[in-house]
Amino acid sequence: MTDGRGGPKVNPGALRVEAQIKGKPPDLRREQLQTRRGPRLEEFKAWLQRTLATLPAKSELAGAICYAPYPAGQC
């Protein structure tokens, strides 16, 4: 799923997850967040890789992608 510009589509229900786990023990919250957001994170990382492959290596956007906490591995 993309946002029409090639980027990952924003999930309007993302805050719903937070509301559902609010007040739960930290271990359960972490598990729920990892389970629900893991696939989205993988999709985002794949988008970063695809985007980085199309950019000049010294561009500002390429630098920002390489600076991300989950670098695409091509930096």
C-alpha atoms as a PDB file:
ATOM      1  CA  MET A   1       0.000   0.000   0.000  1.00  0.00           C
ATOM      2  CA  THR A   2       1.285   3.410  -0.892  1.00  0.00           C
ATOM      3  CA  ASP A   3       0.205   6.983  -0.355  1.00  0.00           C
ATOM      4  CA  GLY A   4      -0.027   7.732  -4.077  1.00  0.00           C
ATOM      5  CA  ARG A   5       3.516   9.121  -4.168  1.00  0.00           C
ATOM      6  CA  GLY A   6       5.153   5.727  -3.663  1.00  0.00           C
ATOM      7  CA  GLY A   7       5.576   6.040   0.105  1.00  0.00           C
ATOM      8  CA  PRO A   8       3.971   3.758   2.663  1.00  0.00           C
ATOM      9  CA  LYS A   9       0.305   4.512   3.284  1.00  0.00           C
ATOM     10  CA  VAL A  10      -0.372   6.063   6.669  1.00  0.00           C
ATOM     11  CA  ASN A  11      -2.667   3.950   8.799  1.00  0.00           C
ATOM     12  CA  PRO A  12      -5.376   6.212  10.231  1.00  0.00           C
ATOM     13  CA  GLY A  13      -6.099   3.623  12.924  1.00  0.00           C
ATOM     14  CA  ALA A  14      -2.551   3.644  14.300  1.00  0.00           C
ATOM     15  CA  LEU A  15      -3.581   5.570  17.387  1.00  0.00           C
ATOM     16  CA  ARG A  16      -6.287   2.991  18.005  1.00  0.00           C
ATOM     17  CA  VAL A  17      -3.551   0.499  18.901  1.00  0.00           C
ATOM     18  CA  GLU A  18      -2.251   2.866  21.558  1.00  0.00           C
ATOM     19  CA  ALA A  19      -5.742   3.319  22.978  1.00  0.00           C
ATOM     20  CA  GLN A  20      -6.320  -0.434  23.124  1.00  0.00           C
ATOM     21  CA  ILE A  21      -3.155  -1.145  25.091  1.00  0.00           C
ATOM     22  CA  LYS A  22      -3.180   1.923  27.329  1.00  0.00           C
ATOM     23  CA  GLY A  23      -2.791   0.963  30.976  1.00  0.00           C
ATOM     24  CA  LYS A  24      -1.609  -2.588  30.190  1.00  0.00           C
ATOM     25  CA  PRO A  25       1.637  -3.949  31.668  1.00  0.00           C
ATOM     26  CA  PRO A  26       4.786  -2.805  29.793  1.00  0.00           C
ATOM     27  CA  ASP A  27       5.668  -6.315  28.577  1.00  0.00           C
ATOM     28  CA  LEU A  28       2.224  -6.794  27.050  1.00  0.00           C
ATOM     29  CA  ARG A  29       2.338  -3.323  25.458  1.00  0.00           C
ATOM     30  CA  ARG A  30       5.738  -4.020  23.886  1.00  0.00           C
ATOM     31  CA  GLU A  31       4.585  -7.389  22.562  1.00  0.00           C
ATOM     32  CA  GLN A  32       1.397  -5.933  21.081  1.00  0.00           C
ATOM     33  CA  LEU A  33       3.221  -3.017  19.463  1.00  0.00           C
ATOM     34  CA  GLN A  34       5.884  -5.255  17.931  1.00  0.00           C
ATOM     35  CA  THR A  35       3.284  -7.688  16.633  1.00  0.00           C
ATOM     36  CA  ARG A  36       1.080  -5.012  15.107  1.00  0.00           C
ATOM     37  CA  ARG A  37       3.732  -2.635  13.833  1.00  0.00           C
ATOM     38  CA  GLY A  38       6.383  -5.114  12.709  1.00  0.00           C
ATOM     39  CA  PRO A  39       4.923  -5.644   9.226  1.00  0.00           C
ATOM     40  CA  ARG A  40       4.532  -1.871   8.732  1.00  0.00           C
ATOM     41  CA  LEU A  41       8.139  -1.311   9.747  1.00  0.00           C
ATOM     42  CA  GLU A  42       9.325  -3.928   7.262  1.00  0.00           C
ATOM     43  CA  GLU A  43       7.247  -2.241   4.545  1.00  0.00           C
ATOM     44  CA  PHE A  44       8.792   1.109   5.443  1.00  0.00           C
ATOM     45  CA  LYS A  45      12.324  -0.308   5.360  1.00  0.00           C
ATOM     46  CA  ALA A  46      11.657  -1.791   1.914  1.00  0.00           C
ATOM     47  CA  TRP A  47      10.391   1.598   0.723  1.00  0.00           C
ATOM     48  CA  LEU A  48      13.570   3.233   2.060  1.00  0.00           C
ATOM     49  CA  GLN A  49      15.676   0.743   0.105  1.00  0.00           C
ATOM     50  CA  ARG A  50      13.730   1.313  -3.114  1.00  0.00           C
ATOM     51  CA  THR A  51      13.880   5.074  -2.722  1.00  0.00           C
ATOM     52  CA  LEU A  52      17.576   5.127  -1.834  1.00  0.00           C
ATOM     53  CA  ALA A  53      18.383   3.127  -4.962  1.00  0.00           C
ATOM     54  CA  THR A  54      16.932   5.913  -7.110  1.00  0.00           C
ATOM     55  CA  LEU A  55      18.779   8.823  -5.470  1.00  0.00           C
ATOM     56  CA  PRO A  56      22.205  10.315  -6.058  1.00  0.00           C
ATOM     57  CA  ALA A  57      24.465   9.100  -3.247  1.00  0.00           C
ATOM     58  CA  LYS A  58      25.328  12.613  -2.091  1.00  0.00           C
ATOM     59  CA  SER A  59      21.786  14.008  -2.104  1.00  0.00           C
ATOM     60  CA  GLU A  60      20.285  15.358   1.095  1.00  0.00           C
ATOM     61  CA  LEU A  61      17.479  12.812   1.013  1.00  0.00           C
ATOM     62  CA  ALA A  62      19.939   9.924   0.628  1.00  0.00           C
ATOM     63  CA  GLY A  63      21.850  11.291   3.606  1.00  0.00           C
ATOM     64  CA  ALA A  64      18.651  11.487   5.639  1.00  0.00           C
ATOM     65  CA  ILE A  65      17.690   7.918   4.747  1.00  0.00           C
ATOM     66  CA  CYS A  66      21.144   6.704   5.748  1.00  0.00           C
ATOM     67  CA  TYR A  67      20.796   8.584   9.021  1.00  0.00           C
ATOM     68  CA  ALA A  68      17.496   6.837   9.827  1.00  0.00           C
ATOM     69  CA  PRO A  69      17.564   4.364  12.746  1.00  0.00           C
ATOM     70  CA  TYR A  70      16.843   1.536  10.303  1.00  0.00           C
ATOM     71  CA  PRO A  71      19.230   2.228   7.427  1.00  0.00           C
ATOM     72  CA  ALA A  72      18.479   0.589   4.152  1.00  0.00           C
ATOM     73  CA  GLY A  73      21.866  -1.133   4.014  1.00  0.00           C
ATOM     74  CA  GLN A  74      23.042   0.646   0.864  1.00  0.00           C
ATOM     75  CA  CYS A  75      24.668   3.640   2.531  1.00  0.00           C
END
